[in-house]
Amino acid sequence: MGLIPATGSAIAFGKVNQAYTNNTPGSAGNAPAGGQNISLSSVLGNNATYGINQASGTPISFSATFGGKSTPFDYPP
């Protein structure tokens, strides 16, 4: 079980996705590499598995919403 760095820390979008899905960004068939689109509300927020469960299109504060959360996989270094 992993932990996303606390609120206010610099956290990376692709790494948050990887901590929840264990998909390495940019790997064949997995999440996009850095600079490509991973939608905050529809990909990460609109997923009860991540404990966020916000409707697609809902404004979500990245650090406040995901910072300090436990994840099923480690947050990559």
N, C-alpha and C. Protein backbone atom coordinates (compact mmCIF):
# COMPACT_ATOMS: atom_id res chain seq x y z
N MET A 1 0.85 -1.18 0.00
CA MET A 1 0.00 0.00 0.00
C MET A 1 0.89 1.23 0.00
N GLY A 2 0.54 2.20 -0.84
CA GLY A 2 1.33 3.41 -0.98
C GLY A 2 0.67 4.60 -0.31
N LEU A 3 1.34 5.72 -0.40
CA LEU A 3 0.82 6.96 0.15
C LEU A 3 1.25 8.10 -0.76
N ILE A 4 0.29 8.90 -1.18
CA ILE A 4 0.60 10.08 -1.98
C ILE A 4 1.11 11.16 -1.03
N PRO A 5 2.16 11.90 -1.43
CA PRO A 5 2.67 12.96 -0.54
C PRO A 5 1.56 13.90 -0.08
N ALA A 6 1.75 14.46 1.10
CA ALA A 6 0.73 15.28 1.75
C ALA A 6 0.34 16.51 0.94
N THR A 7 -0.84 17.02 1.24
CA THR A 7 -1.34 18.23 0.62
C THR A 7 -0.31 19.34 0.71
N GLY A 8 -0.12 20.04 -0.40
CA GLY A 8 0.86 21.13 -0.46
C GLY A 8 2.19 20.68 -1.02
N SER A 9 2.41 19.37 -1.10
CA SER A 9 3.62 18.84 -1.71
C SER A 9 3.47 18.85 -3.23
N ALA A 10 4.57 18.82 -3.92
CA ALA A 10 4.52 18.73 -5.38
C ALA A 10 4.22 17.27 -5.74
N ILE A 11 3.07 17.05 -6.35
CA ILE A 11 2.73 15.70 -6.78
C ILE A 11 2.46 15.74 -8.29
N ALA A 12 2.78 14.64 -8.95
CA ALA A 12 2.64 14.57 -10.40
C ALA A 12 1.40 13.77 -10.78
N PHE A 13 0.70 14.29 -11.76
CA PHE A 13 -0.55 13.70 -12.22
C PHE A 13 -0.40 12.24 -12.64
N GLY A 14 0.58 11.96 -13.49
CA GLY A 14 0.82 10.59 -13.95
C GLY A 14 1.19 9.66 -12.81
N LYS A 15 1.93 10.17 -11.84
CA LYS A 15 2.34 9.34 -10.70
C LYS A 15 1.16 9.02 -9.79
N VAL A 16 0.22 9.96 -9.65
CA VAL A 16 -0.99 9.69 -8.87
C VAL A 16 -1.79 8.57 -9.56
N ASN A 17 -1.95 8.69 -10.88
CA ASN A 17 -2.64 7.65 -11.63
C ASN A 17 -1.95 6.30 -11.46
N GLN A 18 -0.62 6.30 -11.52
CA GLN A 18 0.14 5.06 -11.37
C GLN A 18 -0.02 4.47 -9.97
N ALA A 19 -0.09 5.32 -8.95
CA ALA A 19 -0.25 4.83 -7.57
C ALA A 19 -1.59 4.12 -7.37
N TYR A 20 -2.60 4.53 -8.14
CA TYR A 20 -3.91 3.88 -8.05
C TYR A 20 -4.05 2.69 -8.98
N THR A 21 -3.42 2.74 -10.15
CA THR A 21 -3.66 1.72 -11.18
C THR A 21 -2.51 0.75 -11.39
N ASN A 22 -1.30 1.12 -10.94
CA ASN A 22 -0.07 0.36 -11.19
C ASN A 22 0.29 0.33 -12.67
N ASN A 23 -0.30 1.24 -13.46
CA ASN A 23 0.06 1.39 -14.87
C ASN A 23 1.19 2.39 -14.98
N THR A 24 2.29 1.99 -15.61
CA THR A 24 3.41 2.90 -15.81
C THR A 24 3.09 3.84 -16.96
N PRO A 25 3.08 5.15 -16.72
CA PRO A 25 2.76 6.08 -17.80
C PRO A 25 3.64 5.87 -19.02
N GLY A 26 3.01 5.80 -20.17
CA GLY A 26 3.72 5.65 -21.42
C GLY A 26 3.99 4.22 -21.83
N SER A 27 3.77 3.24 -20.94
CA SER A 27 3.96 1.84 -21.32
C SER A 27 2.85 1.41 -22.26
N ALA A 28 3.14 0.46 -23.09
CA ALA A 28 2.16 -0.02 -24.07
C ALA A 28 0.85 -0.40 -23.38
N GLY A 29 -0.24 0.21 -23.82
CA GLY A 29 -1.56 -0.11 -23.29
C GLY A 29 -1.89 0.55 -21.97
N ASN A 30 -0.98 1.36 -21.43
CA ASN A 30 -1.21 1.97 -20.13
C ASN A 30 -1.47 3.46 -20.24
N ALA A 31 -1.48 4.12 -19.11
CA ALA A 31 -1.75 5.56 -19.05
C ALA A 31 -0.78 6.33 -19.93
N PRO A 32 -1.18 7.48 -20.42
CA PRO A 32 -0.31 8.28 -21.29
C PRO A 32 0.96 8.76 -20.60
N ALA A 33 1.96 9.03 -21.38
CA ALA A 33 3.21 9.59 -20.85
C ALA A 33 2.98 11.04 -20.43
N GLY A 34 3.93 11.61 -19.68
CA GLY A 34 3.82 12.99 -19.24
C GLY A 34 3.54 13.94 -20.40
N GLY A 35 2.70 14.93 -20.16
CA GLY A 35 2.34 15.89 -21.18
C GLY A 35 1.13 15.47 -22.01
N GLN A 36 0.67 14.24 -21.84
CA GLN A 36 -0.52 13.78 -22.55
C GLN A 36 -1.72 13.85 -21.61
N ASN A 37 -2.89 13.63 -22.15
CA ASN A 37 -4.12 13.86 -21.39
C ASN A 37 -4.51 12.70 -20.47
N ILE A 38 -4.64 13.03 -19.19
CA ILE A 38 -5.32 12.18 -18.21
C ILE A 38 -6.27 13.16 -17.54
N SER A 39 -7.55 13.02 -17.73
CA SER A 39 -8.50 13.99 -17.20
C SER A 39 -8.66 13.82 -15.69
N LEU A 40 -8.50 14.90 -14.97
CA LEU A 40 -8.58 14.86 -13.50
C LEU A 40 -9.93 14.38 -13.03
N SER A 41 -11.02 14.98 -13.53
CA SER A 41 -12.32 14.59 -13.00
C SER A 41 -12.86 13.31 -13.62
N SER A 42 -12.70 13.12 -14.92
CA SER A 42 -13.30 11.93 -15.53
C SER A 42 -12.44 10.68 -15.38
N VAL A 43 -11.12 10.81 -15.28
CA VAL A 43 -10.27 9.62 -15.15
C VAL A 43 -10.00 9.30 -13.68
N LEU A 44 -9.53 10.29 -12.91
CA LEU A 44 -9.19 10.03 -11.51
C LEU A 44 -10.35 10.31 -10.56
N GLY A 45 -11.02 11.43 -10.73
CA GLY A 45 -12.07 11.83 -9.79
C GLY A 45 -13.34 11.00 -9.89
N ASN A 46 -13.73 10.62 -11.10
CA ASN A 46 -14.98 9.89 -11.31
C ASN A 46 -14.74 8.39 -11.20
N ASN A 47 -14.15 7.97 -10.09
CA ASN A 47 -13.84 6.57 -9.88
C ASN A 47 -13.92 6.26 -8.40
N ALA A 48 -14.92 5.51 -8.01
CA ALA A 48 -15.13 5.19 -6.60
C ALA A 48 -13.96 4.38 -6.04
N THR A 49 -13.24 3.65 -6.88
CA THR A 49 -12.09 2.87 -6.44
C THR A 49 -11.05 3.76 -5.79
N TYR A 50 -10.91 5.00 -6.28
CA TYR A 50 -9.91 5.92 -5.75
C TYR A 50 -10.41 6.65 -4.52
N GLY A 51 -11.64 6.43 -4.11
CA GLY A 51 -12.18 7.08 -2.94
C GLY A 51 -12.55 8.53 -3.15
N ILE A 52 -12.60 8.99 -4.40
CA ILE A 52 -12.91 10.38 -4.68
C ILE A 52 -14.37 10.48 -5.09
N ASN A 53 -14.76 9.71 -6.09
CA ASN A 53 -16.15 9.56 -6.53
C ASN A 53 -16.85 10.88 -6.80
N GLN A 54 -16.20 11.76 -7.56
CA GLN A 54 -16.81 13.02 -7.98
C GLN A 54 -17.28 12.88 -9.42
N ALA A 55 -18.40 13.49 -9.74
CA ALA A 55 -18.93 13.42 -11.09
C ALA A 55 -17.97 14.07 -12.08
N SER A 56 -17.92 13.53 -13.28
CA SER A 56 -17.10 14.10 -14.33
C SER A 56 -17.49 15.57 -14.53
N GLY A 57 -16.52 16.43 -14.61
CA GLY A 57 -16.78 17.86 -14.78
C GLY A 57 -16.79 18.64 -13.48
N THR A 58 -16.77 17.95 -12.35
CA THR A 58 -16.74 18.62 -11.04
C THR A 58 -15.36 19.23 -10.81
N PRO A 59 -15.29 20.48 -10.35
CA PRO A 59 -13.98 21.05 -10.03
C PRO A 59 -13.32 20.27 -8.88
N ILE A 60 -12.08 19.87 -9.08
CA ILE A 60 -11.36 19.08 -8.08
C ILE A 60 -10.00 19.74 -7.85
N SER A 61 -9.68 20.02 -6.60
CA SER A 61 -8.35 20.52 -6.25
C SER A 61 -7.41 19.33 -6.18
N PHE A 62 -6.40 19.31 -7.02
CA PHE A 62 -5.53 18.14 -7.15
C PHE A 62 -4.83 17.79 -5.85
N SER A 63 -4.08 18.73 -5.29
CA SER A 63 -3.32 18.45 -4.08
C SER A 63 -4.22 18.17 -2.88
N ALA A 64 -5.26 18.98 -2.69
CA ALA A 64 -6.14 18.80 -1.53
C ALA A 64 -6.95 17.52 -1.63
N THR A 65 -7.31 17.10 -2.84
CA THR A 65 -8.13 15.90 -3.02
C THR A 65 -7.30 14.63 -2.90
N PHE A 66 -6.11 14.62 -3.51
CA PHE A 66 -5.32 13.39 -3.55
C PHE A 66 -4.16 13.36 -2.56
N GLY A 67 -3.69 14.52 -2.10
CA GLY A 67 -2.55 14.57 -1.18
C GLY A 67 -2.83 13.86 0.13
N GLY A 68 -1.91 13.00 0.54
CA GLY A 68 -2.04 12.27 1.80
C GLY A 68 -2.91 11.03 1.73
N LYS A 69 -3.47 10.72 0.57
CA LYS A 69 -4.33 9.54 0.44
C LYS A 69 -3.51 8.26 0.36
N SER A 70 -4.05 7.19 0.92
CA SER A 70 -3.46 5.86 0.77
C SER A 70 -3.85 5.31 -0.59
N THR A 71 -2.94 4.58 -1.21
CA THR A 71 -3.18 4.02 -2.53
C THR A 71 -2.82 2.53 -2.53
N PRO A 72 -3.37 1.77 -3.47
CA PRO A 72 -3.07 0.33 -3.50
C PRO A 72 -1.65 0.03 -3.95
N PHE A 73 -0.99 1.00 -4.62
CA PHE A 73 0.37 0.81 -5.10
C PHE A 73 1.22 2.00 -4.64
N ASP A 74 2.54 1.83 -4.65
CA ASP A 74 3.43 2.91 -4.22
C ASP A 74 3.38 4.10 -5.16
N TYR A 75 3.50 5.29 -4.59
CA TYR A 75 3.67 6.51 -5.38
C TYR A 75 5.11 6.47 -5.89
N PRO A 76 5.31 6.54 -7.22
CA PRO A 76 6.67 6.39 -7.76
C PRO A 76 7.60 7.51 -7.31
N PRO A 77 8.89 7.19 -7.18
CA PRO A 77 9.86 8.22 -6.78
C PRO A 77 10.04 9.27 -7.87
